[in-house]
Amino acid sequence: MFEGLNQYADIAFWVLQAVVGVIFIVHAVPKLKNPAQVASAYGAPSFVGTLHGAIEVAAGVALIANQFVQYAAAVVALIMLGAIYFKIFKWKMPFMGQTVTGWEFDLMLLTAGLAILTR
């Protein structure tokens, strides 16, 4: 029914990559500004917060620049798997909530990362 839209598939897919990249960069900023607080949330030394933020920025930039895309997507998927693990099993967060951050957004980013990885 929408066969004519197939000509835009590459552009649409890059837009997905770019949006995921921007989200990762934006979410990396607090990790870089306050690495100790972020790292303490999962019981790690503060340099891990800085490393985590730097890796997220690098993956985000790679997705936006359309370079090393599969590596960046693998990083995105691994980070989101970790986030989902912590939210479900360590912090006992619900799938979604009105007053708390659930893990539905993390699941969506994991799915986007996997889609980009397998393209």
N, C-alpha and C. Protein backbone atom coordinates (compact mmCIF):
# COMPACT_ATOMS: atom_id res chain seq x y z
N MET A 1 0.81 -1.19 0.00
CA MET A 1 0.00 0.00 0.00
C MET A 1 0.86 1.26 0.00
N PHE A 2 2.00 1.23 0.70
CA PHE A 2 2.86 2.40 0.79
C PHE A 2 4.21 2.16 0.10
N GLU A 3 4.20 1.40 -0.99
CA GLU A 3 5.44 1.04 -1.67
C GLU A 3 6.26 2.26 -2.06
N GLY A 4 5.61 3.35 -2.37
CA GLY A 4 6.32 4.56 -2.77
C GLY A 4 7.21 5.12 -1.68
N LEU A 5 6.93 4.76 -0.45
CA LEU A 5 7.74 5.25 0.67
C LEU A 5 9.08 4.53 0.79
N ASN A 6 9.20 3.38 0.13
CA ASN A 6 10.45 2.63 0.22
C ASN A 6 11.66 3.43 -0.22
N GLN A 7 11.46 4.40 -1.09
CA GLN A 7 12.58 5.21 -1.54
C GLN A 7 13.19 6.05 -0.42
N TYR A 8 12.44 6.19 0.67
CA TYR A 8 12.92 6.98 1.81
C TYR A 8 13.45 6.12 2.95
N ALA A 9 13.55 4.83 2.74
CA ALA A 9 13.94 3.90 3.81
C ALA A 9 15.31 4.23 4.40
N ASP A 10 16.28 4.52 3.54
CA ASP A 10 17.63 4.82 4.05
C ASP A 10 17.63 6.10 4.89
N ILE A 11 16.92 7.10 4.43
CA ILE A 11 16.84 8.37 5.17
C ILE A 11 16.13 8.15 6.50
N ALA A 12 15.03 7.42 6.46
CA ALA A 12 14.27 7.16 7.68
C ALA A 12 15.11 6.38 8.68
N PHE A 13 15.89 5.43 8.20
CA PHE A 13 16.72 4.65 9.10
C PHE A 13 17.82 5.52 9.71
N TRP A 14 18.40 6.41 8.90
CA TRP A 14 19.41 7.31 9.46
C TRP A 14 18.77 8.23 10.51
N VAL A 15 17.54 8.68 10.28
CA VAL A 15 16.85 9.51 11.28
C VAL A 15 16.71 8.72 12.59
N LEU A 16 16.38 7.44 12.52
CA LEU A 16 16.32 6.61 13.71
C LEU A 16 17.68 6.59 14.40
N GLN A 17 18.73 6.35 13.65
CA GLN A 17 20.08 6.35 14.20
C GLN A 17 20.40 7.68 14.87
N ALA A 18 20.08 8.77 14.19
CA ALA A 18 20.40 10.09 14.71
C ALA A 18 19.64 10.39 15.99
N VAL A 19 18.37 10.02 16.04
CA VAL A 19 17.57 10.25 17.24
C VAL A 19 18.13 9.45 18.41
N VAL A 20 18.46 8.19 18.19
CA VAL A 20 19.07 7.38 19.25
C VAL A 20 20.40 8.00 19.66
N GLY A 21 21.16 8.47 18.69
CA GLY A 21 22.44 9.13 19.00
C GLY A 21 22.27 10.37 19.85
N VAL A 22 21.32 11.20 19.51
CA VAL A 22 21.06 12.41 20.30
C VAL A 22 20.61 12.05 21.72
N ILE A 23 19.72 11.07 21.83
CA ILE A 23 19.26 10.64 23.15
C ILE A 23 20.45 10.17 24.00
N PHE A 24 21.34 9.41 23.41
CA PHE A 24 22.49 8.92 24.16
C PHE A 24 23.43 10.05 24.57
N ILE A 25 23.63 11.01 23.70
CA ILE A 25 24.48 12.14 24.06
C ILE A 25 23.85 12.96 25.19
N VAL A 26 22.57 13.23 25.08
CA VAL A 26 21.88 14.01 26.12
C VAL A 26 21.92 13.29 27.46
N HIS A 27 21.74 11.98 27.44
CA HIS A 27 21.75 11.21 28.69
C HIS A 27 23.18 11.01 29.22
N ALA A 28 24.19 11.23 28.39
CA ALA A 28 25.57 11.10 28.84
C ALA A 28 26.04 12.33 29.61
N VAL A 29 25.46 13.48 29.33
CA VAL A 29 25.91 14.73 29.96
C VAL A 29 25.89 14.65 31.48
N PRO A 30 24.79 14.19 32.13
CA PRO A 30 24.83 14.10 33.59
C PRO A 30 25.90 13.14 34.11
N LYS A 31 26.18 12.10 33.36
CA LYS A 31 27.22 11.15 33.76
C LYS A 31 28.59 11.82 33.73
N LEU A 32 28.79 12.69 32.77
CA LEU A 32 30.07 13.38 32.67
C LEU A 32 30.17 14.52 33.67
N LYS A 33 29.05 15.15 34.01
CA LYS A 33 29.05 16.25 34.97
C LYS A 33 29.18 15.77 36.41
N ASN A 34 28.58 14.62 36.71
CA ASN A 34 28.61 14.10 38.07
C ASN A 34 28.82 12.59 38.05
N PRO A 35 30.01 12.18 37.66
CA PRO A 35 30.26 10.74 37.50
C PRO A 35 30.16 9.95 38.80
N ALA A 36 30.52 10.54 39.91
CA ALA A 36 30.48 9.82 41.19
C ALA A 36 29.05 9.43 41.55
N GLN A 37 28.12 10.35 41.35
CA GLN A 37 26.72 10.06 41.69
C GLN A 37 26.18 8.94 40.80
N VAL A 38 26.47 9.02 39.53
CA VAL A 38 25.98 8.01 38.59
C VAL A 38 26.59 6.65 38.91
N ALA A 39 27.89 6.62 39.12
CA ALA A 39 28.57 5.35 39.39
C ALA A 39 28.12 4.75 40.72
N SER A 40 27.83 5.59 41.70
CA SER A 40 27.40 5.06 43.00
C SER A 40 26.04 4.37 42.89
N ALA A 41 25.24 4.76 41.91
CA ALA A 41 23.93 4.13 41.72
C ALA A 41 24.06 2.65 41.40
N TYR A 42 25.15 2.27 40.78
CA TYR A 42 25.36 0.85 40.54
C TYR A 42 26.62 0.32 41.20
N GLY A 43 27.04 1.00 42.27
CA GLY A 43 28.10 0.50 43.13
C GLY A 43 29.47 0.42 42.49
N ALA A 44 29.81 1.41 41.68
CA ALA A 44 31.10 1.42 41.00
C ALA A 44 31.88 2.67 41.38
N PRO A 45 33.19 2.67 41.19
CA PRO A 45 33.98 3.88 41.45
C PRO A 45 33.63 4.99 40.46
N SER A 46 33.92 6.23 40.83
CA SER A 46 33.46 7.37 40.03
C SER A 46 34.01 7.38 38.61
N PHE A 47 35.20 6.85 38.37
CA PHE A 47 35.72 6.87 37.00
C PHE A 47 34.83 6.07 36.06
N VAL A 48 34.07 5.11 36.59
CA VAL A 48 33.17 4.32 35.77
C VAL A 48 32.04 5.21 35.23
N GLY A 49 31.59 6.18 36.02
CA GLY A 49 30.58 7.12 35.54
C GLY A 49 31.10 7.94 34.37
N THR A 50 32.34 8.39 34.48
CA THR A 50 32.96 9.14 33.38
C THR A 50 33.11 8.26 32.15
N LEU A 51 33.60 7.05 32.34
CA LEU A 51 33.77 6.12 31.23
C LEU A 51 32.42 5.82 30.57
N HIS A 52 31.41 5.58 31.38
CA HIS A 52 30.07 5.30 30.87
C HIS A 52 29.58 6.47 30.03
N GLY A 53 29.72 7.69 30.55
CA GLY A 53 29.29 8.87 29.81
C GLY A 53 30.07 9.05 28.51
N ALA A 54 31.37 8.85 28.56
CA ALA A 54 32.19 9.00 27.35
C ALA A 54 31.83 7.98 26.29
N ILE A 55 31.57 6.76 26.71
CA ILE A 55 31.17 5.71 25.76
C ILE A 55 29.82 6.06 25.14
N GLU A 56 28.90 6.57 25.94
CA GLU A 56 27.60 6.96 25.40
C GLU A 56 27.73 8.10 24.40
N VAL A 57 28.59 9.07 24.68
CA VAL A 57 28.81 10.17 23.72
C VAL A 57 29.41 9.63 22.43
N ALA A 58 30.41 8.77 22.56
CA ALA A 58 31.06 8.20 21.36
C ALA A 58 30.06 7.41 20.52
N ALA A 59 29.24 6.61 21.16
CA ALA A 59 28.24 5.83 20.42
C ALA A 59 27.23 6.77 19.76
N GLY A 60 26.80 7.79 20.48
CA GLY A 60 25.85 8.74 19.91
C GLY A 60 26.41 9.48 18.71
N VAL A 61 27.63 9.94 18.82
CA VAL A 61 28.27 10.64 17.70
C VAL A 61 28.43 9.70 16.50
N ALA A 62 28.83 8.47 16.76
CA ALA A 62 29.00 7.49 15.67
C ALA A 62 27.68 7.25 14.94
N LEU A 63 26.59 7.14 15.70
CA LEU A 63 25.28 6.92 15.06
C LEU A 63 24.87 8.12 14.22
N ILE A 64 25.08 9.31 14.75
CA ILE A 64 24.72 10.52 14.00
C ILE A 64 25.58 10.67 12.76
N ALA A 65 26.88 10.41 12.90
CA ALA A 65 27.81 10.56 11.78
C ALA A 65 27.75 9.39 10.80
N ASN A 66 26.97 8.36 11.14
CA ASN A 66 26.83 7.18 10.29
C ASN A 66 28.18 6.48 10.07
N GLN A 67 28.97 6.44 11.14
CA GLN A 67 30.28 5.79 11.11
C GLN A 67 30.35 4.75 12.22
N PHE A 68 30.94 3.61 11.94
CA PHE A 68 31.06 2.54 12.95
C PHE A 68 29.69 2.22 13.56
N VAL A 69 28.69 2.20 12.70
CA VAL A 69 27.30 2.10 13.16
C VAL A 69 27.03 0.80 13.90
N GLN A 70 27.51 -0.32 13.40
CA GLN A 70 27.23 -1.59 14.08
C GLN A 70 27.91 -1.66 15.45
N TYR A 71 29.10 -1.13 15.55
CA TYR A 71 29.76 -1.09 16.86
C TYR A 71 28.97 -0.22 17.83
N ALA A 72 28.56 0.95 17.35
CA ALA A 72 27.79 1.87 18.19
C ALA A 72 26.46 1.24 18.60
N ALA A 73 25.82 0.57 17.68
CA ALA A 73 24.54 -0.08 17.99
C ALA A 73 24.73 -1.21 19.00
N ALA A 74 25.83 -1.93 18.89
CA ALA A 74 26.12 -2.97 19.88
C ALA A 74 26.33 -2.37 21.26
N VAL A 75 27.02 -1.24 21.31
CA VAL A 75 27.22 -0.53 22.58
C VAL A 75 25.87 -0.08 23.15
N VAL A 76 25.04 0.49 22.30
CA VAL A 76 23.70 0.93 22.73
C VAL A 76 22.93 -0.26 23.31
N ALA A 77 22.92 -1.37 22.60
CA ALA A 77 22.18 -2.54 23.07
C ALA A 77 22.72 -3.04 24.40
N LEU A 78 24.04 -3.11 24.54
CA LEU A 78 24.63 -3.58 25.80
C LEU A 78 24.31 -2.65 26.96
N ILE A 79 24.42 -1.36 26.73
CA ILE A 79 24.11 -0.39 27.78
C ILE A 79 22.65 -0.50 28.19
N MET A 80 21.77 -0.65 27.22
CA MET A 80 20.35 -0.74 27.55
C MET A 80 20.02 -2.06 28.24
N LEU A 81 20.69 -3.14 27.87
CA LEU A 81 20.50 -4.39 28.60
C LEU A 81 20.90 -4.22 30.07
N GLY A 82 22.01 -3.54 30.29
CA GLY A 82 22.44 -3.26 31.65
C GLY A 82 21.45 -2.39 32.40
N ALA A 83 20.95 -1.36 31.73
CA ALA A 83 19.97 -0.47 32.37
C ALA A 83 18.71 -1.23 32.75
N ILE A 84 18.24 -2.06 31.84
CA ILE A 84 17.03 -2.84 32.12
C ILE A 84 17.28 -3.81 33.27
N TYR A 85 18.42 -4.46 33.27
CA TYR A 85 18.76 -5.38 34.35
C TYR A 85 18.71 -4.66 35.71
N PHE A 86 19.40 -3.52 35.79
CA PHE A 86 19.42 -2.79 37.06
C PHE A 86 18.02 -2.33 37.46
N LYS A 87 17.27 -1.82 36.51
CA LYS A 87 15.94 -1.32 36.85
C LYS A 87 15.00 -2.42 37.31
N ILE A 88 15.06 -3.58 36.67
CA ILE A 88 14.14 -4.67 37.04
C ILE A 88 14.61 -5.40 38.31
N PHE A 89 15.87 -5.84 38.31
CA PHE A 89 16.32 -6.76 39.35
C PHE A 89 16.98 -6.10 40.55
N LYS A 90 17.63 -4.98 40.36
CA LYS A 90 18.31 -4.33 41.48
C LYS A 90 17.45 -3.25 42.13
N TRP A 91 16.82 -2.43 41.29
CA TRP A 91 16.07 -1.28 41.81
C TRP A 91 14.57 -1.55 41.88
N LYS A 92 14.14 -2.72 41.37
CA LYS A 92 12.73 -3.14 41.44
C LYS A 92 11.76 -2.09 40.88
N MET A 93 12.11 -1.54 39.75
CA MET A 93 11.26 -0.54 39.11
C MET A 93 10.21 -1.22 38.24
N PRO A 94 9.04 -0.62 38.16
CA PRO A 94 8.00 -1.20 37.31
C PRO A 94 8.29 -0.92 35.84
N PHE A 95 7.53 -1.57 34.98
CA PHE A 95 7.67 -1.33 33.53
C PHE A 95 7.46 0.14 33.22
N MET A 96 6.45 0.72 33.83
CA MET A 96 6.20 2.16 33.69
C MET A 96 5.50 2.66 34.94
N GLY A 97 5.52 3.95 35.13
CA GLY A 97 4.85 4.51 36.29
C GLY A 97 4.60 5.99 36.09
N GLN A 98 3.67 6.51 36.83
CA GLN A 98 3.35 7.94 36.74
C GLN A 98 4.33 8.78 37.55
N THR A 99 4.87 8.21 38.62
CA THR A 99 5.75 8.99 39.50
C THR A 99 7.19 8.52 39.50
N VAL A 100 7.48 7.41 38.84
CA VAL A 100 8.85 6.89 38.77
C VAL A 100 9.19 6.58 37.31
N THR A 101 10.49 6.55 37.06
CA THR A 101 10.94 6.17 35.72
C THR A 101 10.92 4.65 35.63
N GLY A 102 10.17 4.14 34.70
CA GLY A 102 10.15 2.70 34.49
C GLY A 102 11.23 2.31 33.50
N TRP A 103 11.08 1.12 32.95
CA TRP A 103 12.09 0.66 32.00
C TRP A 103 11.54 0.52 30.58
N GLU A 104 10.37 1.10 30.32
CA GLU A 104 9.80 1.02 28.98
C GLU A 104 10.64 1.78 27.96
N PHE A 105 11.17 2.94 28.35
CA PHE A 105 12.01 3.73 27.46
C PHE A 105 13.31 2.99 27.16
N ASP A 106 13.86 2.35 28.17
CA ASP A 106 15.08 1.56 27.99
C ASP A 106 14.85 0.40 27.01
N LEU A 107 13.69 -0.22 27.13
CA LEU A 107 13.34 -1.32 26.22
C LEU A 107 13.22 -0.81 24.78
N MET A 108 12.66 0.37 24.62
CA MET A 108 12.54 0.94 23.27
C MET A 108 13.93 1.24 22.69
N LEU A 109 14.82 1.78 23.51
CA LEU A 109 16.18 2.06 23.02
C LEU A 109 16.94 0.76 22.74
N LEU A 110 16.72 -0.27 23.55
CA LEU A 110 17.33 -1.58 23.27
C LEU A 110 16.84 -2.09 21.91
N THR A 111 15.56 -2.00 21.68
CA THR A 111 14.99 -2.47 20.42
C THR A 111 15.54 -1.68 19.24
N ALA A 112 15.65 -0.37 19.39
CA ALA A 112 16.21 0.46 18.32
C ALA A 112 17.67 0.08 18.07
N GLY A 113 18.43 -0.12 19.15
CA GLY A 113 19.82 -0.54 19.00
C GLY A 113 19.96 -1.86 18.27
N LEU A 114 19.09 -2.81 18.60
CA LEU A 114 19.11 -4.11 17.92
C LEU A 114 18.72 -3.98 16.45
N ALA A 115 17.74 -3.13 16.17
CA ALA A 115 17.33 -2.91 14.77
C ALA A 115 18.49 -2.31 13.97
N ILE A 116 19.17 -1.35 14.55
CA ILE A 116 20.30 -0.72 13.87
C ILE A 116 21.44 -1.74 13.71
N LEU A 117 21.69 -2.52 14.74
CA LEU A 117 22.76 -3.53 14.70
C LEU A 117 22.54 -4.55 13.60
N THR A 118 21.31 -4.94 13.39
CA THR A 118 21.03 -6.02 12.44
C THR A 118 20.72 -5.53 11.03
N ARG A 119 20.79 -4.27 10.79
CA ARG A 119 20.51 -3.73 9.46
C ARG A 119 21.64 -4.00 8.53
